[in-house]
Amino acid sequence: MINNYLIFFIGSLLNSKRQIELELLRIIVQNQRIDELILNQLDCSKLAQALELVKSRPTAGSLASYDELDFTESYRFVQIFRHLNETVIGNEPFPGQMLSPKKERVTLPDNIYELLVQYYNNAYDGKFVTIAGAVSETSTEDLTIVLPYVNQYGHIRIGSEIFGATIAPRYMRNSHILAKFIQSDETTNIFPGEVQYYFEHSLDLSIGTVMHHLAFVKWHIPAPDQQTRFHCKSSVEEELCNIELWKDEFYKIDRDSIIPVHNIYSRFVPSEFIVGVRKLKKYMAIIPINRQFHL
């Protein structure tokens, strides 16, 4: 318990940007003294009873989610999110779970079904087709037929953070997400969107049946220029701008509307924002909630 407290305290001090050497030294000396006293008094029944009062207890509240996380699984998820090792497909493990409301074996609408097939064609080396597409093929060799059936979910937990979707009114306010993407020039960028629903989809591959954890998202359209988008930037620090302005409108759905849940970065709060003096224009302010699990 002492070590856990010390780690937490060190993290807090580092974030506070204080001179912490003397404070850390005092804590280390104090903890060393406590350890010596405990070692010398292990046969004392009163000390044993007292230690019962201060031993670690199970975490309560939202942080309890982390108690169930395997370190290897969590570390791999962070590495995947940062795109250090591989392309994210959606079949990778993640430290969380899909949550109700759940609808099993939902048939995707034709347009979303076509997008899912496009998603797999981009994600894998192979040729994926719809059921109708397989009928029109002269040869079915090396074809993988994608079925339109999914398990649909209203919200998801990643770490201790809950992300909602518009199909679940109770969690709709948590449906506003920021997601991370690799651009064509190998840089990364963050885009705001609104999750319509999460879903699991199984795909029969040569290695067996593989489950994918995906999200169907509508993406917001950015402001027309950089000056408007970063209207709230600090005049002192040009690069500092936590709040961005985007249009309260969506792109047409396309292949990018389907993403692995691993791309989700954090949630944001949308707010109306008016720009201009004479000619007023209305935008949506993207206010991030700074509780990113994957940092």
C-alpha atoms as a PDB file:
ATOM      1  CA  MET A   1       0.000   0.000   0.000  1.00  0.00           C
ATOM      2  CA  ILE A   2       2.859   2.353   0.889  1.00  0.00           C
ATOM      3  CA  ASN A   3       4.550   1.738  -2.448  1.00  0.00           C
ATOM      4  CA  ASN A   4       1.309   2.344  -4.358  1.00  0.00           C
ATOM      5  CA  TYR A   5       0.756   5.555  -2.442  1.00  0.00           C
ATOM      6  CA  LEU A   6       4.325   6.642  -3.141  1.00  0.00           C
ATOM      7  CA  ILE A   7       3.954   6.029  -6.889  1.00  0.00           C
ATOM      8  CA  PHE A   8       0.703   8.006  -6.939  1.00  0.00           C
ATOM      9  CA  PHE A   9       2.255  10.811  -4.901  1.00  0.00           C
ATOM     10  CA  ILE A  10       5.330  11.017  -7.149  1.00  0.00           C
ATOM     11  CA  GLY A  11       3.083  11.263 -10.214  1.00  0.00           C
ATOM     12  CA  SER A  12       1.111  14.073  -8.575  1.00  0.00           C
ATOM     13  CA  LEU A  13       4.255  15.979  -7.682  1.00  0.00           C
ATOM     14  CA  LEU A  14       5.713  15.606 -11.158  1.00  0.00           C
ATOM     15  CA  ASN A  15       2.537  16.985 -12.674  1.00  0.00           C
ATOM     16  CA  SER A  16       2.603  19.940 -10.277  1.00  0.00           C
ATOM     17  CA  LYS A  17       6.036  21.022 -11.651  1.00  0.00           C
ATOM     18  CA  ARG A  18       7.392  21.535  -8.113  1.00  0.00           C
ATOM     19  CA  GLN A  19      10.922  20.969  -6.815  1.00  0.00           C
ATOM     20  CA  ILE A  20      10.332  17.553  -5.300  1.00  0.00           C
ATOM     21  CA  GLU A  21      13.773  16.182  -4.376  1.00  0.00           C
ATOM     22  CA  LEU A  22      13.542  17.028  -0.651  1.00  0.00           C
ATOM     23  CA  GLU A  23       9.951  15.837  -0.424  1.00  0.00           C
ATOM     24  CA  LEU A  24      10.803  12.521  -2.065  1.00  0.00           C
ATOM     25  CA  LEU A  25      13.832  12.028   0.172  1.00  0.00           C
ATOM     26  CA  ARG A  26      11.714  12.664   3.261  1.00  0.00           C
ATOM     27  CA  ILE A  27       9.101  10.145   2.097  1.00  0.00           C
ATOM     28  CA  ILE A  28      11.735   7.495   1.329  1.00  0.00           C
ATOM     29  CA  VAL A  29      13.396   7.896   4.741  1.00  0.00           C
ATOM     30  CA  GLN A  30      10.028   7.796   6.484  1.00  0.00           C
ATOM     31  CA  ASN A  31       8.941   4.644   4.632  1.00  0.00           C
ATOM     32  CA  GLN A  32      12.283   2.965   5.350  1.00  0.00           C
ATOM     33  CA  ARG A  33      11.828   3.680   9.059  1.00  0.00           C
ATOM     34  CA  ILE A  34       8.310   2.247   8.989  1.00  0.00           C
ATOM     35  CA  ASP A  35       9.594  -0.933   7.295  1.00  0.00           C
ATOM     36  CA  GLU A  36      12.279  -1.351   9.969  1.00  0.00           C
ATOM     37  CA  LEU A  37       9.719  -0.997  12.764  1.00  0.00           C
ATOM     38  CA  ILE A  38       7.444  -3.559  11.139  1.00  0.00           C
ATOM     39  CA  LEU A  39      10.285  -6.076  10.682  1.00  0.00           C
ATOM     40  CA  ASN A  40      11.350  -5.703  14.315  1.00  0.00           C
ATOM     41  CA  GLN A  41       7.813  -6.128  15.657  1.00  0.00           C
ATOM     42  CA  LEU A  42       6.393  -8.940  13.520  1.00  0.00           C
ATOM     43  CA  ASP A  43       5.676 -11.038  16.610  1.00  0.00           C
ATOM     44  CA  CYS A  44       3.590  -8.272  18.179  1.00  0.00           C
ATOM     45  CA  SER A  45      -0.122  -9.190  18.045  1.00  0.00           C
ATOM     46  CA  LYS A  46      -1.200  -5.561  18.457  1.00  0.00           C
ATOM     47  CA  LEU A  47       0.891  -4.528  15.450  1.00  0.00           C
ATOM     48  CA  ALA A  48      -0.658  -7.328  13.386  1.00  0.00           C
ATOM     49  CA  GLN A  49      -4.133  -6.065  14.297  1.00  0.00           C
ATOM     50  CA  ALA A  50      -3.163  -2.497  13.438  1.00  0.00           C
ATOM     51  CA  LEU A  51      -1.763  -3.519  10.040  1.00  0.00           C
ATOM     52  CA  GLU A  52      -5.131  -5.072   9.195  1.00  0.00           C
ATOM     53  CA  LEU A  53      -6.623  -1.585   9.412  1.00  0.00           C
ATOM     54  CA  VAL A  54      -4.255  -0.067   6.862  1.00  0.00           C
ATOM     55  CA  LYS A  55      -3.851  -2.900   4.345  1.00  0.00           C
ATOM     56  CA  SER A  56      -4.964  -2.329   0.756  1.00  0.00           C
ATOM     57  CA  ARG A  57      -8.647  -2.675   0.012  1.00  0.00           C
ATOM     58  CA  PRO A  58     -10.326  -3.348  -3.335  1.00  0.00           C
ATOM     59  CA  THR A  59     -10.694  -0.223  -5.444  1.00  0.00           C
ATOM     60  CA  ALA A  60     -14.186   1.268  -5.456  1.00  0.00           C
ATOM     61  CA  GLY A  61     -16.040   3.331  -8.035  1.00  0.00           C
ATOM     62  CA  SER A  62     -14.948   3.851 -11.633  1.00  0.00           C
ATOM     63  CA  LEU A  63     -11.300   3.017 -10.860  1.00  0.00           C
ATOM     64  CA  ALA A  64     -12.335  -0.535  -9.995  1.00  0.00           C
ATOM     65  CA  SER A  65     -12.301  -1.287 -13.708  1.00  0.00           C
ATOM     66  CA  TYR A  66      -8.517  -1.147 -13.688  1.00  0.00           C
ATOM     67  CA  ASP A  67      -8.309  -3.920 -11.062  1.00  0.00           C
ATOM     68  CA  GLU A  68      -9.496  -6.396 -13.692  1.00  0.00           C
ATOM     69  CA  LEU A  69      -6.993  -5.316 -16.347  1.00  0.00           C
ATOM     70  CA  ASP A  70      -4.101  -7.559 -17.193  1.00  0.00           C
ATOM     71  CA  PHE A  71      -0.894  -5.527 -17.552  1.00  0.00           C
ATOM     72  CA  THR A  72       0.178  -7.280 -20.749  1.00  0.00           C
ATOM     73  CA  GLU A  73      -3.234  -6.717 -22.308  1.00  0.00           C
ATOM     74  CA  SER A  74      -3.295  -3.052 -21.286  1.00  0.00           C
ATOM     75  CA  TYR A  75       0.244  -2.402 -22.497  1.00  0.00           C
ATOM     76  CA  ARG A  76      -0.475  -4.029 -25.853  1.00  0.00           C
ATOM     77  CA  PHE A  77      -3.617  -1.906 -26.208  1.00  0.00           C
ATOM     78  CA  VAL A  78      -1.624   1.282 -25.574  1.00  0.00           C
ATOM     79  CA  GLN A  79       0.985   0.242 -28.120  1.00  0.00           C
ATOM     80  CA  ILE A  80      -1.697  -0.516 -30.692  1.00  0.00           C
ATOM     81  CA  PHE A  81      -3.388   2.814 -30.053  1.00  0.00           C
ATOM     82  CA  ARG A  82      -0.153   4.721 -30.564  1.00  0.00           C
ATOM     83  CA  HIS A  83       0.380   2.870 -33.846  1.00  0.00           C
ATOM     84  CA  LEU A  84       3.908   1.888 -32.888  1.00  0.00           C
ATOM     85  CA  ASN A  85       3.810  -1.696 -34.086  1.00  0.00           C
ATOM     86  CA  GLU A  86       1.092  -2.549 -36.537  1.00  0.00           C
ATOM     87  CA  THR A  87      -2.020  -1.590 -38.452  1.00  0.00           C
ATOM     88  CA  VAL A  88      -5.125  -1.741 -36.281  1.00  0.00           C
ATOM     89  CA  ILE A  89      -7.827  -3.992 -37.718  1.00  0.00           C
ATOM     90  CA  GLY A  90     -10.239  -4.414 -34.816  1.00  0.00           C
ATOM     91  CA  ASN A  91      -9.567  -8.044 -33.914  1.00  0.00           C
ATOM     92  CA  GLU A  92      -6.899  -7.067 -31.375  1.00  0.00           C
ATOM     93  CA  PRO A  93      -7.690  -7.460 -27.644  1.00  0.00           C
ATOM     94  CA  PHE A  94      -8.689  -4.363 -25.701  1.00  0.00           C
ATOM     95  CA  PRO A  95      -8.999  -3.789 -21.925  1.00  0.00           C
ATOM     96  CA  GLY A  96     -12.734  -3.350 -21.724  1.00  0.00           C
ATOM     97  CA  GLN A  97     -15.984  -4.789 -22.976  1.00  0.00           C
ATOM     98  CA  MET A  98     -19.042  -4.132 -25.104  1.00  0.00           C
ATOM     99  CA  LEU A  99     -22.023  -3.267 -22.901  1.00  0.00           C
ATOM    100  CA  SER A 100     -25.805  -3.431 -23.144  1.00  0.00           C
ATOM    101  CA  PRO A 101     -28.244  -2.568 -24.547  1.00  0.00           C
ATOM    102  CA  LYS A 102     -27.344  -5.457 -26.831  1.00  0.00           C
ATOM    103  CA  LYS A 103     -29.108  -6.723 -29.929  1.00  0.00           C
ATOM    104  CA  GLU A 104     -27.909 -10.045 -31.291  1.00  0.00           C
ATOM    105  CA  ARG A 105     -27.728 -10.989 -34.955  1.00  0.00           C
ATOM    106  CA  VAL A 106     -28.831  -7.619 -36.313  1.00  0.00           C
ATOM    107  CA  THR A 107     -28.870  -7.391 -40.116  1.00  0.00           C
ATOM    108  CA  LEU A 108     -26.911  -4.371 -41.326  1.00  0.00           C
ATOM    109  CA  PRO A 109     -28.593  -1.992 -43.809  1.00  0.00           C
ATOM    110  CA  ASP A 110     -27.338  -2.531 -47.359  1.00  0.00           C
ATOM    111  CA  ASN A 111     -25.281   0.675 -47.435  1.00  0.00           C
ATOM    112  CA  ILE A 112     -23.522  -0.103 -44.125  1.00  0.00           C
ATOM    113  CA  TYR A 113     -23.034  -3.693 -45.253  1.00  0.00           C
ATOM    114  CA  GLU A 114     -21.201  -2.463 -48.373  1.00  0.00           C
ATOM    115  CA  LEU A 115     -19.010  -0.202 -46.218  1.00  0.00           C
ATOM    116  CA  LEU A 116     -18.097  -3.128 -43.949  1.00  0.00           C
ATOM    117  CA  VAL A 117     -16.948  -5.121 -46.981  1.00  0.00           C
ATOM    118  CA  GLN A 118     -14.842  -2.140 -48.103  1.00  0.00           C
ATOM    119  CA  TYR A 119     -13.404  -1.940 -44.587  1.00  0.00           C
ATOM    120  CA  TYR A 120     -12.227  -5.559 -44.701  1.00  0.00           C
ATOM    121  CA  ASN A 121     -10.789  -5.142 -48.193  1.00  0.00           C
ATOM    122  CA  ASN A 122      -8.663  -2.273 -46.872  1.00  0.00           C
ATOM    123  CA  ALA A 123      -7.740  -4.045 -43.641  1.00  0.00           C
ATOM    124  CA  TYR A 124      -6.726  -7.457 -45.011  1.00  0.00           C
ATOM    125  CA  ASP A 125      -4.855  -8.894 -47.951  1.00  0.00           C
ATOM    126  CA  GLY A 126      -7.605 -10.670 -49.814  1.00  0.00           C
ATOM    127  CA  LYS A 127     -10.850 -10.211 -51.652  1.00  0.00           C
ATOM    128  CA  PHE A 128     -14.008  -9.742 -49.602  1.00  0.00           C
ATOM    129  CA  VAL A 129     -17.486  -9.595 -51.109  1.00  0.00           C
ATOM    130  CA  THR A 130     -21.104  -9.365 -50.087  1.00  0.00           C
ATOM    131  CA  ILE A 131     -23.435 -12.319 -50.541  1.00  0.00           C
ATOM    132  CA  ALA A 132     -24.815 -10.705 -53.706  1.00  0.00           C
ATOM    133  CA  GLY A 133     -21.311  -9.963 -54.919  1.00  0.00           C
ATOM    134  CA  ALA A 134     -20.331 -13.620 -54.567  1.00  0.00           C
ATOM    135  CA  VAL A 135     -23.206 -14.660 -56.829  1.00  0.00           C
ATOM    136  CA  SER A 136     -22.009 -12.357 -59.607  1.00  0.00           C
ATOM    137  CA  GLU A 137     -18.399 -13.641 -59.428  1.00  0.00           C
ATOM    138  CA  THR A 138     -17.407 -16.147 -62.096  1.00  0.00           C
ATOM    139  CA  SER A 139     -14.966 -17.799 -59.711  1.00  0.00           C
ATOM    140  CA  THR A 140     -15.387 -18.061 -55.956  1.00  0.00           C
ATOM    141  CA  GLU A 141     -11.798 -19.187 -55.392  1.00  0.00           C
ATOM    142  CA  ASP A 142      -9.917 -16.984 -52.901  1.00  0.00           C
ATOM    143  CA  LEU A 143     -13.109 -15.081 -52.120  1.00  0.00           C
ATOM    144  CA  THR A 144     -14.245 -14.381 -48.568  1.00  0.00           C
ATOM    145  CA  ILE A 145     -17.960 -13.780 -48.148  1.00  0.00           C
ATOM    146  CA  VAL A 146     -18.822 -11.196 -45.489  1.00  0.00           C
ATOM    147  CA  LEU A 147     -22.143 -11.892 -43.773  1.00  0.00           C
ATOM    148  CA  PRO A 148     -24.332  -8.902 -42.817  1.00  0.00           C
ATOM    149  CA  TYR A 149     -25.090 -10.073 -39.258  1.00  0.00           C
ATOM    150  CA  VAL A 150     -23.645  -8.281 -36.221  1.00  0.00           C
ATOM    151  CA  ASN A 151     -24.147  -8.015 -32.479  1.00  0.00           C
ATOM    152  CA  GLN A 152     -25.035  -4.388 -31.787  1.00  0.00           C
ATOM    153  CA  TYR A 153     -24.241  -2.523 -28.549  1.00  0.00           C
ATOM    154  CA  GLY A 154     -25.316   0.780 -27.021  1.00  0.00           C
ATOM    155  CA  HIS A 155     -22.117   1.579 -25.135  1.00  0.00           C
ATOM    156  CA  ILE A 156     -18.625   0.327 -24.430  1.00  0.00           C
ATOM    157  CA  ARG A 157     -16.084   0.457 -21.627  1.00  0.00           C
ATOM    158  CA  ILE A 158     -12.377   0.989 -22.300  1.00  0.00           C
ATOM    159  CA  GLY A 159     -10.400   0.992 -19.059  1.00  0.00           C
ATOM    160  CA  SER A 160     -12.615   2.922 -16.668  1.00  0.00           C
ATOM    161  CA  GLU A 161     -14.072   5.229 -19.336  1.00  0.00           C
ATOM    162  CA  ILE A 162     -17.585   4.754 -20.728  1.00  0.00           C
ATOM    163  CA  PHE A 163     -18.339   5.657 -24.354  1.00  0.00           C
ATOM    164  CA  GLY A 164     -21.972   5.818 -25.462  1.00  0.00           C
ATOM    165  CA  ALA A 165     -23.903   5.760 -28.728  1.00  0.00           C
ATOM    166  CA  THR A 166     -26.966   7.463 -30.150  1.00  0.00           C
ATOM    167  CA  ILE A 167     -28.980   4.210 -30.221  1.00  0.00           C
ATOM    168  CA  ALA A 168     -28.924   4.174 -26.408  1.00  0.00           C
ATOM    169  CA  PRO A 169     -30.648   7.370 -25.138  1.00  0.00           C
ATOM    170  CA  ARG A 170     -29.276   6.832 -21.630  1.00  0.00           C
ATOM    171  CA  TYR A 171     -25.684   7.019 -22.908  1.00  0.00           C
ATOM    172  CA  MET A 172     -26.231   9.451 -25.800  1.00  0.00           C
ATOM    173  CA  ARG A 173     -24.333  12.306 -24.126  1.00  0.00           C
ATOM    174  CA  ASN A 174     -21.249  10.050 -24.065  1.00  0.00           C
ATOM    175  CA  SER A 175     -21.471   9.380 -27.812  1.00  0.00           C
ATOM    176  CA  HIS A 176     -19.282  12.362 -28.778  1.00  0.00           C
ATOM    177  CA  ILE A 177     -15.794  10.975 -29.328  1.00  0.00           C
ATOM    178  CA  LEU A 178     -12.384  12.038 -30.541  1.00  0.00           C
ATOM    179  CA  ALA A 179     -10.610   9.392 -32.636  1.00  0.00           C
ATOM    180  CA  LYS A 180      -7.058   9.130 -33.829  1.00  0.00           C
ATOM    181  CA  PHE A 181      -6.101   8.434 -37.473  1.00  0.00           C
ATOM    182  CA  ILE A 182      -2.892   8.108 -39.445  1.00  0.00           C
ATOM    183  CA  GLN A 183      -2.818  10.508 -42.391  1.00  0.00           C
ATOM    184  CA  SER A 184      -1.376   9.822 -45.854  1.00  0.00           C
ATOM    185  CA  ASP A 185       1.842  11.629 -44.860  1.00  0.00           C
ATOM    186  CA  GLU A 186       2.245   9.287 -41.826  1.00  0.00           C
ATOM    187  CA  THR A 187       1.262  12.000 -39.343  1.00  0.00           C
ATOM    188  CA  THR A 188      -1.612  11.509 -36.910  1.00  0.00           C
ATOM    189  CA  ASN A 189      -4.645  13.708 -36.376  1.00  0.00           C
ATOM    190  CA  ILE A 190      -7.663  13.763 -34.096  1.00  0.00           C
ATOM    191  CA  PHE A 191     -11.213  13.934 -35.498  1.00  0.00           C
ATOM    192  CA  PRO A 192     -14.506  14.481 -33.654  1.00  0.00           C
ATOM    193  CA  GLY A 193     -17.498  12.300 -34.371  1.00  0.00           C
ATOM    194  CA  GLU A 194     -20.714  10.883 -32.978  1.00  0.00           C
ATOM    195  CA  VAL A 195     -20.958   7.133 -32.449  1.00  0.00           C
ATOM    196  CA  GLN A 196     -24.177   5.677 -33.793  1.00  0.00           C
ATOM    197  CA  TYR A 197     -23.532   2.212 -32.345  1.00  0.00           C
ATOM    198  CA  TYR A 198     -20.827  -0.312 -31.542  1.00  0.00           C
ATOM    199  CA  PHE A 199     -20.855  -3.794 -32.984  1.00  0.00           C
ATOM    200  CA  GLU A 200     -19.106  -7.140 -33.037  1.00  0.00           C
ATOM    201  CA  HIS A 201     -18.693  -8.894 -36.357  1.00  0.00           C
ATOM    202  CA  SER A 202     -17.213 -12.341 -36.927  1.00  0.00           C
ATOM    203  CA  LEU A 203     -15.305 -13.125 -40.098  1.00  0.00           C
ATOM    204  CA  ASP A 204     -14.402 -16.607 -41.331  1.00  0.00           C
ATOM    205  CA  LEU A 205     -10.772 -16.542 -42.410  1.00  0.00           C
ATOM    206  CA  SER A 206      -8.276 -19.269 -43.287  1.00  0.00           C
ATOM    207  CA  ILE A 207      -6.996 -19.154 -39.694  1.00  0.00           C
ATOM    208  CA  GLY A 208     -10.522 -19.599 -38.309  1.00  0.00           C
ATOM    209  CA  THR A 209     -13.348 -17.353 -37.144  1.00  0.00           C
ATOM    210  CA  VAL A 210     -12.087 -13.932 -36.034  1.00  0.00           C
ATOM    211  CA  MET A 211     -14.181 -11.481 -33.979  1.00  0.00           C
ATOM    212  CA  HIS A 212     -13.854  -7.747 -34.674  1.00  0.00           C
ATOM    213  CA  HIS A 213     -14.872  -4.926 -32.304  1.00  0.00           C
ATOM    214  CA  LEU A 214     -15.949  -1.928 -34.356  1.00  0.00           C
ATOM    215  CA  ALA A 215     -17.874   1.331 -34.159  1.00  0.00           C
ATOM    216  CA  PHE A 216     -20.091   3.071 -36.699  1.00  0.00           C
ATOM    217  CA  VAL A 217     -19.438   6.817 -36.496  1.00  0.00           C
ATOM    218  CA  LYS A 218     -20.636  10.002 -38.195  1.00  0.00           C
ATOM    219  CA  TRP A 219     -17.754  12.489 -38.534  1.00  0.00           C
ATOM    220  CA  HIS A 220     -18.093  16.239 -38.120  1.00  0.00           C
ATOM    221  CA  ILE A 221     -17.057  18.664 -40.883  1.00  0.00           C
ATOM    222  CA  PRO A 222     -14.186  21.015 -39.906  1.00  0.00           C
ATOM    223  CA  ALA A 223     -14.393  24.798 -39.954  1.00  0.00           C
ATOM    224  CA  PRO A 224     -13.603  26.327 -43.375  1.00  0.00           C
ATOM    225  CA  ASP A 225     -10.121  27.552 -42.428  1.00  0.00           C
ATOM    226  CA  GLN A 226      -7.421  27.148 -39.785  1.00  0.00           C
ATOM    227  CA  GLN A 227      -8.039  30.597 -38.314  1.00  0.00           C
ATOM    228  CA  THR A 228     -11.648  29.721 -37.515  1.00  0.00           C
ATOM    229  CA  ARG A 229     -10.875  26.185 -36.373  1.00  0.00           C
ATOM    230  CA  PHE A 230      -8.271  27.456 -33.881  1.00  0.00           C
ATOM    231  CA  HIS A 231     -10.178  30.616 -32.982  1.00  0.00           C
ATOM    232  CA  CYS A 232      -9.657  29.909 -29.254  1.00  0.00           C
ATOM    233  CA  LYS A 233      -5.889  29.561 -29.412  1.00  0.00           C
ATOM    234  CA  SER A 234      -3.786  31.372 -26.828  1.00  0.00           C
ATOM    235  CA  SER A 235      -2.239  34.633 -28.000  1.00  0.00           C
ATOM    236  CA  VAL A 236       0.790  33.871 -25.840  1.00  0.00           C
ATOM    237  CA  GLU A 237       1.393  30.314 -26.979  1.00  0.00           C
ATOM    238  CA  GLU A 238       0.438  29.970 -30.623  1.00  0.00           C
ATOM    239  CA  GLU A 239       0.488  26.178 -30.529  1.00  0.00           C
ATOM    240  CA  LEU A 240      -1.789  25.928 -27.501  1.00  0.00           C
ATOM    241  CA  CYS A 241      -5.416  25.354 -28.428  1.00  0.00           C
ATOM    242  CA  ASN A 242      -7.440  22.765 -26.533  1.00  0.00           C
ATOM    243  CA  ILE A 243     -10.808  23.872 -27.901  1.00  0.00           C
ATOM    244  CA  GLU A 244     -11.432  23.691 -31.643  1.00  0.00           C
ATOM    245  CA  LEU A 245     -14.382  24.901 -33.716  1.00  0.00           C
ATOM    246  CA  TRP A 246     -16.071  22.504 -36.137  1.00  0.00           C
ATOM    247  CA  LYS A 247     -19.350  22.594 -38.022  1.00  0.00           C
ATOM    248  CA  ASP A 248     -22.330  20.970 -36.376  1.00  0.00           C
ATOM    249  CA  GLU A 249     -22.777  18.957 -39.571  1.00  0.00           C
ATOM    250  CA  PHE A 250     -21.625  15.537 -40.686  1.00  0.00           C
ATOM    251  CA  TYR A 251     -19.791  14.163 -43.688  1.00  0.00           C
ATOM    252  CA  LYS A 252     -21.678  11.630 -45.762  1.00  0.00           C
ATOM    253  CA  ILE A 253     -21.066   8.157 -44.429  1.00  0.00           C
ATOM    254  CA  ASP A 254     -18.252   6.285 -46.158  1.00  0.00           C
ATOM    255  CA  ARG A 255     -15.637   3.613 -45.483  1.00  0.00           C
ATOM    256  CA  ASP A 256     -14.100   5.715 -42.704  1.00  0.00           C
ATOM    257  CA  SER A 257     -17.399   5.630 -40.828  1.00  0.00           C
ATOM    258  CA  ILE A 258     -16.421   2.167 -39.581  1.00  0.00           C
ATOM    259  CA  ILE A 259     -13.451   2.165 -37.208  1.00  0.00           C
ATOM    260  CA  PRO A 260     -11.900  -0.230 -34.663  1.00  0.00           C
ATOM    261  CA  VAL A 261     -12.732   0.731 -31.095  1.00  0.00           C
ATOM    262  CA  HIS A 262      -8.943   0.971 -30.600  1.00  0.00           C
ATOM    263  CA  ASN A 263      -8.929   4.289 -32.494  1.00  0.00           C
ATOM    264  CA  ILE A 264     -11.089   5.994 -29.870  1.00  0.00           C
ATOM    265  CA  TYR A 265      -9.067   8.629 -28.029  1.00  0.00           C
ATOM    266  CA  SER A 266     -11.433  10.332 -25.589  1.00  0.00           C
ATOM    267  CA  ARG A 267     -14.831  11.956 -25.266  1.00  0.00           C
ATOM    268  CA  PHE A 268     -15.704  15.604 -25.831  1.00  0.00           C
ATOM    269  CA  VAL A 269     -18.491  17.988 -24.878  1.00  0.00           C
ATOM    270  CA  PRO A 270     -20.098  19.906 -27.779  1.00  0.00           C
ATOM    271  CA  SER A 271     -21.108  23.531 -27.246  1.00  0.00           C
ATOM    272  CA  GLU A 272     -22.551  26.248 -29.485  1.00  0.00           C
ATOM    273  CA  PHE A 273     -20.030  28.957 -30.387  1.00  0.00           C
ATOM    274  CA  ILE A 274     -20.695  32.191 -32.313  1.00  0.00           C
ATOM    275  CA  VAL A 275     -17.936  33.800 -34.397  1.00  0.00           C
ATOM    276  CA  GLY A 276     -18.046  37.271 -35.962  1.00  0.00           C
ATOM    277  CA  VAL A 277     -19.224  40.780 -35.174  1.00  0.00           C
ATOM    278  CA  ARG A 278     -21.505  41.905 -37.968  1.00  0.00           C
ATOM    279  CA  LYS A 279     -21.967  38.638 -39.799  1.00  0.00           C
ATOM    280  CA  LEU A 280     -22.420  36.004 -37.135  1.00  0.00           C
ATOM    281  CA  LYS A 281     -21.620  32.378 -37.863  1.00  0.00           C
ATOM    282  CA  LYS A 282     -22.525  29.470 -35.636  1.00  0.00           C
ATOM    283  CA  TYR A 283     -20.045  26.648 -34.990  1.00  0.00           C
ATOM    284  CA  MET A 284     -19.679  23.787 -32.567  1.00  0.00           C
ATOM    285  CA  ALA A 285     -16.926  24.047 -29.958  1.00  0.00           C
ATOM    286  CA  ILE A 286     -15.157  20.734 -29.335  1.00  0.00           C
ATOM    287  CA  ILE A 287     -14.297  20.680 -25.623  1.00  0.00           C
ATOM    288  CA  PRO A 288     -12.250  17.533 -24.848  1.00  0.00           C
ATOM    289  CA  ILE A 289     -12.706  15.636 -21.611  1.00  0.00           C
ATOM    290  CA  ASN A 290      -9.113  15.052 -20.579  1.00  0.00           C
ATOM    291  CA  ARG A 291      -9.424  11.494 -19.341  1.00  0.00           C
ATOM    292  CA  GLN A 292      -7.669   9.603 -22.107  1.00  0.00           C
ATOM    293  CA  PHE A 293      -6.955   6.036 -21.045  1.00  0.00           C
ATOM    294  CA  HIS A 294      -4.363   5.526 -23.754  1.00  0.00           C
ATOM    295  CA  LEU A 295      -1.860   8.302 -22.897  1.00  0.00           C
END
